Amino acid sequence: MLKNIKLTPLSVVIAGCITYSFFCLLGYQKNQVISNFAGFGYSLALAFVLFITDLLFRKFIANKKQLWITEASFILLIFTLIIIFNK
């Protein structure tokens, strides 16, 4: 059953988003810029969008090496844009 599961960079980021959302829901967030429930909702929405993106990448890219390179490049692009727009 677990043989069919592919570990990709986006699946790791999705797991991190889901973990962070429950971390926010439990109220352990020290930086209260937004409320805990809003952080929970935003993180789950981001995880859902990334899940759909991961499914699309998996459908259109069959080679596992190219999939890893494409998803890692996508993650780096998103982080770069976040850094640029936060300044």
Protein backbone atom coordinates (compact mmCIF):
# COMPACT_ATOMS: atom_id res chain seq x y z
CA MET A 1 0.00 0.00 0.00
CA LEU A 2 2.77 2.47 0.85
CA LYS A 3 4.76 1.50 -2.25
CA ASN A 4 2.58 3.77 -4.42
CA ILE A 5 3.22 6.90 -2.34
CA LYS A 6 5.76 9.24 -3.94
CA LEU A 7 7.72 11.55 -1.69
CA THR A 8 8.14 14.90 -3.41
CA PRO A 9 9.29 18.33 -2.20
CA LEU A 10 5.74 19.68 -2.33
CA SER A 11 4.44 16.80 -0.21
CA VAL A 12 7.01 17.70 2.45
CA VAL A 13 5.89 21.35 2.35
CA ILE A 14 2.25 20.23 2.58
CA ALA A 15 3.05 18.18 5.67
CA GLY A 16 4.76 21.23 7.18
CA CYS A 17 1.72 23.43 6.44
CA ILE A 18 -0.64 20.95 8.06
CA THR A 19 1.63 20.63 11.11
CA TYR A 20 1.84 24.42 11.43
CA SER A 21 -1.93 24.76 11.12
CA PHE A 22 -2.49 22.45 14.08
CA PHE A 23 0.29 24.24 15.94
CA CYS A 24 -1.67 27.49 15.43
CA LEU A 25 -4.94 25.83 16.42
CA LEU A 26 -3.49 24.69 19.74
CA GLY A 27 -2.39 28.25 20.48
CA TYR A 28 1.37 27.78 20.75
CA GLN A 29 2.11 30.63 18.36
CA LYS A 30 4.10 33.34 20.16
CA ASN A 31 3.88 35.96 17.40
CA GLN A 32 0.25 37.12 17.47
CA VAL A 33 0.16 39.09 14.20
CA ILE A 34 -2.99 37.18 13.20
CA SER A 35 -5.30 35.13 15.38
CA ASN A 36 -4.69 31.44 15.91
CA PHE A 37 -7.84 30.44 14.05
CA ALA A 38 -6.94 32.62 11.06
CA GLY A 39 -3.45 31.07 10.96
CA PHE A 40 -5.08 27.64 11.05
CA GLY A 41 -7.36 28.52 8.13
CA TYR A 42 -4.63 30.16 6.04
CA SER A 43 -2.28 27.21 6.54
CA LEU A 44 -4.93 24.68 5.56
CA ALA A 45 -5.87 26.73 2.50
CA LEU A 46 -2.20 26.87 1.48
CA ALA A 47 -1.88 23.11 2.01
CA PHE A 48 -4.92 22.53 -0.22
CA VAL A 49 -3.56 24.74 -3.01
CA LEU A 50 -0.17 23.03 -2.80
CA PHE A 51 -1.86 19.61 -2.86
CA ILE A 52 -3.67 20.49 -6.09
CA THR A 53 -0.40 21.84 -7.53
CA ASP A 54 1.40 18.64 -6.53
CA LEU A 55 -1.24 16.53 -8.26
CA LEU A 56 -0.93 18.60 -11.44
CA PHE A 57 2.85 18.31 -11.44
CA ARG A 58 2.62 14.55 -10.93
CA LYS A 59 0.14 14.20 -13.78
CA PHE A 60 2.14 16.16 -16.35
CA ILE A 61 5.69 15.11 -15.38
CA ALA A 62 6.27 11.36 -15.47
CA ASN A 63 10.02 11.25 -14.77
CA LYS A 64 10.71 11.30 -11.03
CA LYS A 65 13.99 13.23 -11.37
CA GLN A 66 12.35 15.95 -13.46
CA LEU A 67 9.45 16.05 -11.00
CA TRP A 68 11.84 16.70 -8.10
CA ILE A 69 13.71 19.40 -10.03
CA THR A 70 10.48 21.10 -11.14
CA GLU A 71 8.88 21.06 -7.69
CA ALA A 72 12.05 22.22 -5.95
CA SER A 73 12.34 25.06 -8.47
CA PHE A 74 8.69 25.96 -7.86
CA ILE A 75 9.25 26.10 -4.09
CA LEU A 76 12.36 28.26 -4.51
CA LEU A 77 10.45 30.60 -6.83
CA ILE A 78 7.62 30.98 -4.32
CA PHE A 79 10.03 31.65 -1.42
CA THR A 80 11.92 34.19 -3.53
CA LEU A 81 8.69 36.01 -4.41
CA ILE A 82 7.64 36.02 -0.75
CA ILE A 83 10.95 37.59 0.25
CA ILE A 84 10.75 40.19 -2.53
CA PHE A 85 7.16 41.22 -1.74
CA ASN A 86 7.75 41.41 2.02
CA LYS A 87 10.40 44.11 1.58
